N, C-alpha and C. Protein backbone atom coordinates (compact mmCIF):
# COMPACT_ATOMS: atom_id res chain seq x y z
N MET A 1 128.99 179.18 96.10
CA MET A 1 127.78 178.30 96.16
C MET A 1 127.11 178.62 97.64
N PRO A 2 125.82 178.81 97.56
CA PRO A 2 125.32 179.15 98.86
C PRO A 2 125.10 177.81 99.70
N GLY A 3 125.19 177.87 100.91
CA GLY A 3 124.90 176.65 101.68
C GLY A 3 123.70 175.98 101.54
N ARG A 4 123.72 174.79 102.15
CA ARG A 4 122.38 173.75 101.89
C ARG A 4 121.21 174.52 102.56
N PHE A 5 121.28 175.22 103.71
CA PHE A 5 120.09 175.77 104.03
C PHE A 5 120.16 177.30 104.02
N ALA A 6 120.51 177.70 102.79
CA ALA A 6 120.58 179.13 102.57
C ALA A 6 119.33 179.73 102.54
N LYS A 7 119.12 181.07 102.87
CA LYS A 7 117.94 181.75 102.97
C LYS A 7 117.23 181.66 101.37
N LEU A 8 116.14 181.24 101.44
CA LEU A 8 115.19 181.20 100.27
C LEU A 8 114.64 182.54 99.94
N THR A 9 115.22 183.32 98.75
CA THR A 9 114.89 184.60 98.61
C THR A 9 113.96 184.48 97.07
N GLY A 10 114.54 183.75 96.23
CA GLY A 10 113.60 183.61 95.03
C GLY A 10 114.61 183.69 93.77
N CYS A 11 114.18 183.48 92.62
CA CYS A 11 114.75 183.39 91.66
C CYS A 11 114.94 184.94 91.04
N LYS A 12 115.97 185.11 90.14
CA LYS A 12 116.06 186.58 89.67
C LYS A 12 115.01 186.73 88.59
N ASN A 13 114.81 185.57 87.65
CA ASN A 13 113.66 185.64 86.79
C ASN A 13 112.46 185.38 86.93
N CYS A 14 112.09 184.68 88.18
CA CYS A 14 110.49 184.44 88.43
C CYS A 14 110.59 184.23 89.90
N SER A 15 109.47 183.36 90.56
CA SER A 15 109.26 183.49 91.92
C SER A 15 109.72 182.30 92.51
N ASN A 16 110.65 181.56 92.13
CA ASN A 16 110.88 180.22 92.43
C ASN A 16 111.89 180.42 93.35
N PRO A 17 111.53 180.31 94.73
CA PRO A 17 112.58 180.47 96.07
C PRO A 17 113.84 179.45 96.02
N LEU A 18 113.47 178.32 95.54
CA LEU A 18 114.56 177.11 95.71
C LEU A 18 115.79 177.19 94.67
N LEU A 19 115.49 178.04 93.72
CA LEU A 19 116.61 178.34 92.67
C LEU A 19 117.71 179.09 93.43
N ASP A 20 117.48 180.10 94.19
CA ASP A 20 118.37 180.90 94.81
C ASP A 20 119.03 180.23 95.97
N ALA A 21 118.58 179.34 96.47
CA ALA A 21 119.23 178.50 97.56
C ALA A 21 120.05 177.50 97.05
N GLY A 22 120.47 177.43 95.77
CA GLY A 22 121.44 176.50 95.14
C GLY A 22 120.69 175.18 94.99
N LEU A 23 119.69 174.99 94.88
CA LEU A 23 118.89 173.43 94.62
C LEU A 23 118.68 173.41 93.20
N PRO A 24 119.59 172.47 92.78
CA PRO A 24 119.35 172.29 91.27
C PRO A 24 118.14 171.66 90.71
N TRP A 25 117.56 170.98 91.46
CA TRP A 25 116.10 170.28 90.97
C TRP A 25 115.00 171.46 90.90
N ALA A 26 115.14 172.66 91.26
CA ALA A 26 114.28 173.61 91.22
C ALA A 26 114.20 174.23 89.91
N ALA A 27 115.34 174.37 89.24
CA ALA A 27 115.36 174.81 87.62
C ALA A 27 114.44 174.21 86.75
N GLY A 28 113.81 174.48 85.87
CA GLY A 28 113.22 173.77 85.00
C GLY A 28 111.58 173.88 85.37
N ARG A 29 111.22 174.53 86.62
CA ARG A 29 109.80 174.31 86.64
C ARG A 29 109.08 175.34 85.87
N PRO A 30 107.71 175.11 85.63
CA PRO A 30 107.11 175.95 84.82
C PRO A 30 107.04 177.48 85.37
N GLY A 31 107.33 178.49 84.41
CA GLY A 31 107.45 179.62 84.65
C GLY A 31 108.90 180.27 84.98
N CYS A 32 109.84 179.38 85.00
CA CYS A 32 111.25 179.74 85.28
C CYS A 32 112.09 179.65 84.01
N GLN A 33 112.85 180.94 83.77
CA GLN A 33 113.63 181.21 82.62
C GLN A 33 114.98 180.55 83.03
N GLU A 34 115.51 180.31 84.08
CA GLU A 34 116.78 179.86 84.53
C GLU A 34 116.76 178.39 84.03
N GLU A 35 118.03 178.15 83.72
CA GLU A 35 118.41 176.87 83.30
C GLU A 35 119.09 175.85 84.58
N PRO A 36 119.10 174.65 84.51
CA PRO A 36 119.43 173.75 85.68
C PRO A 36 121.14 174.15 85.52
N VAL A 37 121.68 174.04 86.68
CA VAL A 37 123.15 174.22 86.83
C VAL A 37 123.79 173.23 86.39
N ALA A 38 124.76 173.34 85.33
CA ALA A 38 125.41 172.23 84.87
C ALA A 38 126.50 171.61 85.66
N GLY A 39 126.79 170.40 85.71
CA GLY A 39 127.74 169.72 86.63
C GLY A 39 127.21 169.33 88.08
N ARG A 40 126.21 169.58 88.32
CA ARG A 40 125.71 169.05 89.56
C ARG A 40 124.84 167.61 89.21
N SER A 41 125.10 166.81 90.35
CA SER A 41 124.31 165.61 90.20
C SER A 41 122.91 165.91 90.92
N SER A 42 122.07 164.85 90.73
CA SER A 42 120.75 164.85 91.22
C SER A 42 120.84 164.72 92.75
N PRO A 43 119.71 165.20 93.46
CA PRO A 43 120.15 164.68 94.83
C PRO A 43 119.75 163.31 95.28
N GLY A 44 120.45 162.99 96.41
CA GLY A 44 120.26 161.31 96.77
C GLY A 44 121.23 161.32 97.95
N TYR A 45 121.68 159.99 98.19
CA TYR A 45 122.44 159.86 99.40
C TYR A 45 124.01 159.15 98.92
N SER A 46 124.72 159.67 99.34
CA SER A 46 126.11 159.28 99.23
C SER A 46 126.45 157.96 100.08
N LEU A 47 127.48 157.33 99.48
CA LEU A 47 127.84 156.09 99.81
C LEU A 47 128.15 156.20 101.29
N VAL A 48 128.72 157.15 102.04
CA VAL A 48 129.20 157.15 103.15
C VAL A 48 127.87 157.45 103.95
N GLU A 49 126.79 158.12 103.56
CA GLU A 49 125.76 158.20 104.41
C GLU A 49 124.83 156.97 104.45
N LEU A 50 124.94 156.18 103.30
CA LEU A 50 124.17 154.95 103.36
C LEU A 50 125.27 153.95 104.44
N LEU A 51 126.32 154.05 104.19
CA LEU A 51 127.26 153.13 105.40
C LEU A 51 126.96 153.55 106.58
N VAL A 52 126.85 154.70 107.14
CA VAL A 52 126.44 155.31 108.28
C VAL A 52 125.17 154.71 108.64
N VAL A 53 124.02 154.72 108.22
CA VAL A 53 122.74 154.27 108.42
C VAL A 53 122.87 152.99 108.64
N VAL A 54 123.60 151.98 107.88
CA VAL A 54 123.68 150.55 107.75
C VAL A 54 124.40 150.25 109.27
N GLY A 55 125.59 151.11 109.60
CA GLY A 55 126.22 150.65 110.59
C GLY A 55 125.31 150.88 112.05
N ILE A 56 124.45 152.08 112.04
CA ILE A 56 123.91 152.34 113.18
C ILE A 56 122.80 151.40 113.21
N SER A 57 122.24 150.75 112.18
CA SER A 57 121.06 149.90 112.26
C SER A 57 121.90 148.46 112.67
N PHE A 58 122.78 148.13 112.51
CA PHE A 58 123.59 146.92 112.89
C PHE A 58 124.03 146.97 114.53
N LEU A 59 124.26 148.13 114.68
CA LEU A 59 124.86 148.29 116.44
C LEU A 59 123.26 148.19 117.00
N VAL A 60 122.00 148.87 116.63
CA VAL A 60 120.91 148.87 117.32
C VAL A 60 120.46 147.17 117.35
N LEU A 61 120.65 146.56 116.24
CA LEU A 61 120.31 145.24 116.10
C LEU A 61 121.08 144.32 117.13
N VAL A 62 122.46 144.86 117.12
CA VAL A 62 123.29 143.77 118.09
C VAL A 62 122.93 143.88 119.60
N VAL A 63 122.28 145.19 120.05
CA VAL A 63 121.97 145.58 121.37
C VAL A 63 120.53 144.97 121.66
N VAL A 64 119.48 144.96 120.77
CA VAL A 64 118.31 144.75 120.79
C VAL A 64 118.17 143.09 120.84
N PHE A 65 118.71 142.48 120.02
CA PHE A 65 118.72 141.02 119.82
C PHE A 65 118.63 140.25 121.15
N PRO A 66 119.80 140.54 121.77
CA PRO A 66 119.92 139.64 123.26
C PRO A 66 118.56 140.09 124.03
N VAL A 67 118.25 141.27 124.09
CA VAL A 67 117.26 141.65 125.18
C VAL A 67 115.80 140.90 124.53
N TYR A 68 115.61 140.87 123.26
CA TYR A 68 114.33 140.01 122.40
C TYR A 68 114.40 138.67 122.96
N LYS A 69 115.67 137.99 122.60
CA LYS A 69 115.76 136.79 123.04
C LYS A 69 115.60 136.25 124.34
N SER A 70 115.93 137.22 125.40
CA SER A 70 115.89 136.91 126.87
C SER A 70 114.18 137.12 127.15
N SER A 71 113.82 138.06 126.59
CA SER A 71 112.33 138.48 126.71
C SER A 71 111.37 137.33 126.28
N ASN A 72 111.85 136.87 125.19
CA ASN A 72 111.12 135.70 124.56
C ASN A 72 111.31 134.27 125.35
N THR A 73 112.34 134.09 125.89
CA THR A 73 112.56 132.94 126.90
C THR A 73 111.63 133.24 128.22
N HIS A 74 111.87 134.25 128.62
CA HIS A 74 110.84 134.60 129.93
C HIS A 74 109.56 134.26 129.68
N HIS A 75 109.07 134.99 128.52
CA HIS A 75 107.74 134.67 127.93
C HIS A 75 107.23 133.23 127.97
N ALA A 76 108.11 132.45 127.26
CA ALA A 76 107.81 130.99 127.20
C ALA A 76 107.71 130.28 128.56
N LEU A 77 108.72 130.82 129.61
CA LEU A 77 108.50 130.08 130.71
C LEU A 77 107.32 130.43 131.56
N PHE A 78 106.88 131.74 131.63
CA PHE A 78 105.87 132.18 132.20
C PHE A 78 104.53 131.53 131.46
N MET A 79 104.46 131.55 130.20
CA MET A 79 103.11 130.73 129.73
C MET A 79 103.16 129.29 130.08
N ALA A 80 104.28 128.59 130.05
CA ALA A 80 104.56 127.10 130.48
C ALA A 80 104.15 126.86 131.83
N ALA A 81 104.35 127.80 132.78
CA ALA A 81 103.81 127.75 134.02
C ALA A 81 102.55 127.91 134.17
N ARG A 82 101.96 128.95 133.54
CA ARG A 82 100.29 129.03 133.30
C ARG A 82 99.88 127.97 133.01
N GLN A 83 100.35 127.43 131.73
CA GLN A 83 99.56 126.14 131.31
C GLN A 83 99.31 124.87 132.24
N MET A 84 100.65 124.73 132.92
CA MET A 84 100.71 123.65 133.92
C MET A 84 99.74 124.13 135.12
N ALA A 85 99.68 125.32 135.69
CA ALA A 85 98.48 125.71 136.73
C ALA A 85 97.24 125.38 136.16
N GLN A 86 96.99 125.69 134.89
CA GLN A 86 95.75 125.38 134.22
C GLN A 86 95.53 123.79 134.27
N ASP A 87 96.31 123.04 133.93
CA ASP A 87 96.24 121.46 133.88
C ASP A 87 95.82 120.86 135.21
N ILE A 88 96.57 121.69 136.09
CA ILE A 88 96.58 121.10 137.58
C ILE A 88 95.09 121.35 138.01
N ARG A 89 94.42 122.68 137.77
CA ARG A 89 93.24 122.91 138.19
C ARG A 89 92.19 122.15 137.40
N ALA A 90 92.35 121.62 136.19
CA ALA A 90 91.31 120.90 135.29
C ALA A 90 91.48 119.60 136.00
N CYS A 91 92.62 118.97 136.39
CA CYS A 91 92.68 117.63 137.06
C CYS A 91 91.92 117.68 138.44
N GLN A 92 92.23 118.75 139.06
CA GLN A 92 91.30 119.19 140.45
C GLN A 92 89.60 119.19 140.10
N GLN A 93 89.38 119.78 139.28
CA GLN A 93 87.97 119.73 138.88
C GLN A 93 87.39 118.59 138.35
N GLU A 94 88.20 117.61 137.58
CA GLU A 94 87.76 116.65 137.16
C GLU A 94 87.34 115.51 138.14
N ASN A 95 88.18 115.60 139.10
CA ASN A 95 88.25 114.67 140.49
C ASN A 95 86.93 115.10 141.17
N MET A 96 86.80 116.54 141.34
CA MET A 96 85.68 116.96 142.09
C MET A 96 84.23 116.52 141.49
N CYS A 97 84.16 116.39 140.10
CA CYS A 97 83.00 116.44 139.28
C CYS A 97 82.57 114.79 139.36
N ALA A 98 83.65 114.12 139.08
CA ALA A 98 83.39 112.66 138.94
C ALA A 98 84.10 111.71 140.07
N PRO A 99 83.53 111.65 141.23
CA PRO A 99 84.40 111.08 142.40
C PRO A 99 84.81 109.81 142.11
N GLY A 100 84.13 109.05 141.12
CA GLY A 100 84.62 107.40 140.92
C GLY A 100 85.77 107.65 140.04
N MET A 101 86.00 108.48 139.22
CA MET A 101 87.27 108.38 138.65
C MET A 101 88.33 109.29 139.05
N SER A 102 89.63 108.78 139.16
CA SER A 102 90.79 109.39 139.90
C SER A 102 91.64 109.80 138.78
N VAL A 103 91.73 111.12 138.60
CA VAL A 103 92.70 111.59 137.54
C VAL A 103 93.85 112.25 138.33
N GLU A 104 95.12 111.92 137.89
CA GLU A 104 96.35 112.46 138.64
C GLU A 104 97.27 113.03 137.75
N ILE A 105 98.35 113.73 137.94
CA ILE A 105 99.33 114.47 137.18
C ILE A 105 100.67 113.73 137.59
N VAL A 106 101.14 113.16 136.59
CA VAL A 106 102.68 112.70 136.87
C VAL A 106 103.56 113.53 136.06
N PHE A 107 104.51 113.96 136.71
CA PHE A 107 105.75 114.96 136.07
C PHE A 107 106.92 114.05 135.99
N ASP A 108 107.44 114.12 134.58
CA ASP A 108 108.61 113.58 134.47
C ASP A 108 109.70 114.66 134.21
N VAL A 109 110.56 114.64 135.05
CA VAL A 109 111.61 115.50 135.43
C VAL A 109 112.71 115.59 134.09
N VAL A 110 113.03 114.30 133.87
CA VAL A 110 114.06 113.83 132.95
C VAL A 110 113.48 114.23 131.72
N GLY A 111 112.38 114.01 131.26
CA GLY A 111 111.99 114.41 130.02
C GLY A 111 111.29 115.73 129.89
N ASP A 112 111.20 116.36 130.73
CA ASP A 112 110.69 117.75 130.59
C ASP A 112 109.07 117.86 130.06
N CYS A 113 108.50 116.87 130.76
CA CYS A 113 106.88 116.76 130.32
C CYS A 113 106.15 116.47 131.63
N TYR A 114 104.86 116.21 131.41
CA TYR A 114 104.01 115.75 132.53
C TYR A 114 102.82 115.15 131.77
N TYR A 115 102.19 113.97 132.54
CA TYR A 115 101.13 113.45 132.12
C TYR A 115 99.91 113.43 132.93
N LEU A 116 98.67 113.56 132.24
CA LEU A 116 97.64 113.46 132.90
C LEU A 116 96.99 112.08 132.80
N ALA A 117 96.79 111.27 133.90
CA ALA A 117 96.51 110.18 133.64
C ALA A 117 95.39 109.53 134.58
N SER A 118 94.71 108.40 134.03
CA SER A 118 93.62 107.99 134.89
C SER A 118 93.83 106.52 135.11
N GLY A 119 94.31 106.27 136.23
CA GLY A 119 94.76 104.82 136.52
C GLY A 119 96.08 104.46 135.94
N VAL A 120 95.94 103.46 134.72
CA VAL A 120 97.10 103.15 133.83
C VAL A 120 97.02 103.81 132.62
N LYS A 121 95.96 104.55 132.47
CA LYS A 121 95.69 104.90 131.05
C LYS A 121 96.13 106.47 131.09
N THR A 122 97.00 106.86 129.93
CA THR A 122 97.39 108.31 129.89
C THR A 122 96.45 109.01 129.20
N LEU A 123 95.75 110.06 129.73
CA LEU A 123 94.89 110.91 128.96
C LEU A 123 95.33 111.94 128.21
N ARG A 124 96.68 112.46 128.66
CA ARG A 124 97.14 113.56 127.65
C ARG A 124 98.51 113.75 128.11
N LYS A 125 99.55 113.82 127.14
CA LYS A 125 101.02 114.38 127.81
C LYS A 125 101.11 115.67 127.30
N VAL A 126 101.94 116.35 127.90
CA VAL A 126 102.26 117.77 127.77
C VAL A 126 103.86 117.93 127.81
N VAL A 127 104.28 118.34 126.77
CA VAL A 127 105.80 118.68 126.75
C VAL A 127 105.99 120.12 126.82
N LEU A 128 107.04 120.31 127.59
CA LEU A 128 107.30 121.88 127.84
C LEU A 128 107.96 122.22 126.56
N PRO A 129 108.04 123.54 126.20
CA PRO A 129 108.51 124.43 125.42
C PRO A 129 110.00 124.18 125.19
N ALA A 130 110.82 124.39 124.37
CA ALA A 130 112.14 124.01 124.06
C ALA A 130 113.06 124.85 125.10
N GLY A 131 112.81 125.98 125.40
CA GLY A 131 113.69 126.78 126.42
C GLY A 131 113.32 126.58 127.93
N VAL A 132 112.60 125.57 127.96
CA VAL A 132 111.93 125.50 129.64
C VAL A 132 112.33 124.11 130.01
N ASP A 133 112.97 124.09 131.06
CA ASP A 133 113.40 122.80 131.83
C ASP A 133 112.22 122.66 133.01
N LEU A 134 111.92 121.36 133.45
CA LEU A 134 111.14 120.94 134.63
C LEU A 134 112.17 120.54 135.73
N ALA A 135 112.61 121.79 136.41
CA ALA A 135 113.81 121.52 137.46
C ALA A 135 113.40 120.56 138.49
N ALA A 136 112.48 120.84 139.49
CA ALA A 136 111.99 120.04 140.62
C ALA A 136 110.55 119.79 140.93
N VAL A 137 110.15 118.55 141.25
CA VAL A 137 109.01 118.45 141.76
C VAL A 137 109.10 118.07 143.38
N ARG A 138 108.25 118.63 144.11
CA ARG A 138 108.26 118.39 145.40
C ARG A 138 106.83 118.26 145.98
N PHE A 139 106.34 117.22 146.01
CA PHE A 139 105.07 116.94 146.85
C PHE A 139 105.11 115.94 147.99
N SER A 140 104.52 116.34 149.03
CA SER A 140 104.71 115.30 150.27
C SER A 140 104.25 113.99 149.95
N ASN A 141 105.07 113.16 150.28
CA ASN A 141 104.80 111.53 150.25
C ASN A 141 104.15 110.80 148.81
N ARG A 142 104.47 111.72 147.80
CA ARG A 142 103.62 111.30 146.48
C ARG A 142 104.82 111.14 145.44
N GLY A 143 106.20 111.46 145.56
CA GLY A 143 106.98 111.58 144.68
C GLY A 143 106.58 112.68 143.48
N ASN A 144 106.65 112.08 142.48
CA ASN A 144 106.35 113.13 141.23
C ASN A 144 104.83 113.02 140.92
N ALA A 145 104.02 112.71 141.57
CA ALA A 145 102.67 112.64 141.17
C ALA A 145 101.73 113.58 141.95
N LEU A 146 100.85 113.72 141.46
CA LEU A 146 99.92 114.65 142.16
C LEU A 146 98.40 114.36 141.88
N SER A 147 97.53 114.19 143.07
CA SER A 147 96.27 113.88 142.95
C SER A 147 95.33 114.57 143.82
N PHE A 148 94.03 114.62 143.47
CA PHE A 148 93.22 115.41 144.36
C PHE A 148 92.00 114.41 144.87
N ASN A 149 91.48 114.66 145.98
CA ASN A 149 90.19 113.77 146.42
C ASN A 149 88.99 114.44 146.15
N SER A 150 87.88 113.84 146.31
CA SER A 150 86.54 114.49 145.75
C SER A 150 86.23 115.89 146.01
N SER A 151 86.57 116.51 147.30
CA SER A 151 86.61 117.78 147.51
C SER A 151 87.45 118.76 147.09
N GLY A 152 88.53 118.23 146.13
CA GLY A 152 89.61 119.20 145.86
C GLY A 152 90.67 119.40 146.62
N VAL A 153 91.00 118.63 147.48
CA VAL A 153 92.13 119.02 148.29
C VAL A 153 93.17 117.87 147.91
N PRO A 154 94.61 118.22 147.72
CA PRO A 154 95.50 117.51 146.94
C PRO A 154 95.95 116.28 148.11
N ARG A 155 96.08 114.89 147.64
CA ARG A 155 96.38 113.99 148.50
C ARG A 155 97.73 113.70 148.37
N PRO A 156 98.71 113.28 149.41
CA PRO A 156 98.21 113.68 150.71
C PRO A 156 98.38 114.99 151.32
N GLY A 157 98.89 115.84 150.30
CA GLY A 157 99.29 117.10 150.72
C GLY A 157 99.70 117.86 149.50
N GLY A 158 100.04 119.32 149.58
CA GLY A 158 100.52 120.24 148.33
C GLY A 158 101.79 119.87 148.14
N GLY A 159 102.29 121.13 147.31
CA GLY A 159 103.89 120.87 146.87
C GLY A 159 103.93 122.10 146.06
N THR A 160 105.28 121.87 145.31
CA THR A 160 105.83 122.70 144.55
C THR A 160 106.26 122.24 143.18
N VAL A 161 106.12 122.71 142.07
CA VAL A 161 106.66 122.40 140.62
C VAL A 161 107.79 123.64 140.20
N THR A 162 109.01 123.23 140.31
CA THR A 162 109.69 124.54 139.77
C THR A 162 110.09 124.42 138.22
N LEU A 163 109.78 125.32 137.36
CA LEU A 163 110.26 125.47 136.05
C LEU A 163 111.41 126.46 136.02
N LYS A 164 112.60 126.30 135.25
CA LYS A 164 113.41 127.24 134.73
C LYS A 164 113.91 127.38 133.48
N SER A 165 114.49 128.59 133.15
CA SER A 165 114.82 128.47 131.67
C SER A 165 115.99 127.91 131.40
N ARG A 166 116.48 127.67 130.00
CA ARG A 166 117.49 126.66 129.87
C ARG A 166 118.82 127.54 130.25
N ASP A 167 118.67 128.92 130.03
CA ASP A 167 119.95 129.45 130.39
C ASP A 167 119.92 129.85 132.11
N GLU A 168 119.03 129.37 132.79
CA GLU A 168 118.92 129.55 134.36
C GLU A 168 119.05 130.85 134.89
N SER A 169 118.39 131.84 133.81
CA SER A 169 118.24 133.18 134.22
C SER A 169 117.09 133.56 135.13
N SER A 170 115.97 132.64 134.93
CA SER A 170 114.82 132.91 135.65
C SER A 170 113.97 131.42 135.88
N PHE A 171 113.35 131.59 136.99
CA PHE A 171 112.38 130.47 137.52
C PHE A 171 111.01 130.88 137.72
N TYR A 172 110.07 129.93 137.57
CA TYR A 172 108.76 130.11 137.93
C TYR A 172 108.37 128.93 138.65
N TYR A 173 107.41 128.93 139.73
CA TYR A 173 106.97 128.09 140.83
C TYR A 173 105.54 127.77 140.60
N VAL A 174 105.14 126.56 140.45
CA VAL A 174 103.65 126.43 140.40
C VAL A 174 103.38 125.79 141.56
N ILE A 175 102.44 126.36 142.42
CA ILE A 175 102.50 126.22 144.03
C ILE A 175 100.98 125.59 144.29
N VAL A 176 100.86 124.56 144.84
CA VAL A 176 99.56 123.87 145.26
C VAL A 176 99.47 123.76 146.71
N ALA A 177 98.57 124.65 147.13
CA ALA A 177 98.40 124.60 148.68
C ALA A 177 97.94 123.33 149.10
N PRO A 178 98.80 122.94 150.39
CA PRO A 178 98.28 121.81 150.94
C PRO A 178 96.82 121.58 151.70
N VAL A 179 96.06 122.51 152.03
CA VAL A 179 94.81 122.17 152.72
C VAL A 179 93.84 122.76 151.74
N THR A 180 93.81 123.61 151.16
CA THR A 180 92.91 124.32 150.20
C THR A 180 92.93 123.69 148.67
N GLY A 181 94.19 123.35 148.28
CA GLY A 181 94.13 122.82 146.98
C GLY A 181 94.31 124.15 145.79
N ARG A 182 94.58 125.36 146.33
CA ARG A 182 94.73 126.41 145.70
C ARG A 182 96.03 126.41 144.72
N VAL A 183 95.85 126.56 143.55
CA VAL A 183 96.99 126.46 142.42
C VAL A 183 97.30 127.89 142.03
N ARG A 184 98.74 128.24 142.34
CA ARG A 184 99.09 129.63 141.79
C ARG A 184 100.48 129.60 141.24
N VAL A 185 100.83 130.62 140.43
CA VAL A 185 102.04 130.69 139.83
C VAL A 185 102.68 131.69 140.38
N SER A 186 104.13 131.75 140.79
CA SER A 186 104.82 132.53 141.17
C SER A 186 106.30 132.91 140.72
N PRO A 187 106.81 133.93 140.67
CA PRO A 187 108.38 134.17 140.26
C PRO A 187 109.18 133.91 141.52
N THR A 188 108.55 133.97 142.91
CA THR A 188 109.44 133.51 144.09
C THR A 188 109.21 132.24 144.58
N PRO A 189 110.21 131.39 145.32
CA PRO A 189 109.69 130.09 145.80
C PRO A 189 108.72 130.38 147.05
N PRO A 190 107.96 129.47 147.41
CA PRO A 190 107.11 129.60 148.51
C PRO A 190 107.95 129.41 149.71
N ALA A 191 107.39 129.93 150.90
CA ALA A 191 108.08 130.01 151.94
C ALA A 191 107.87 128.74 152.63
N SER A 192 109.02 128.13 153.29
CA SER A 192 109.24 126.86 153.65
C SER A 192 109.03 125.63 152.83
């Protein structure tokens, strides 16, 4: 029997090159007088080949899933930090546009959430995603609250909010500059 990749030379009775290569499905084509080879099964995959493919797929899944999960957690942490920075900027703009109304952000480290409040009235509550913890809040002389004056400067100074992933593999810092009130997100802690 010729090998699987035998030279395709042609059928003895017709011009079908597949028959001479030992491929049984080539017999019976129009114009061919040669009969299909008896005792050969139709082409397909054997059980061993299927098991090898399933095994390789399983190994790839075992390697890729932790990387995907870690990447997904890191993305959720980054997006939570970006959302928090956006809410701080919105609070700053609200205080600049309406000087008579004071809006502040109160951070709840235990509940992993923060509130936008005006006086005693809560305007909105934001809960952090499941894989993200509110690790620390450091604002000078205000504890866990942040407010701005009518020119957009944080009262009485800036500070940092630290967010971490639940597996503690990555951190993000939302940093509010003390003099300018600039809000930024960084994967590295601020200097001093």
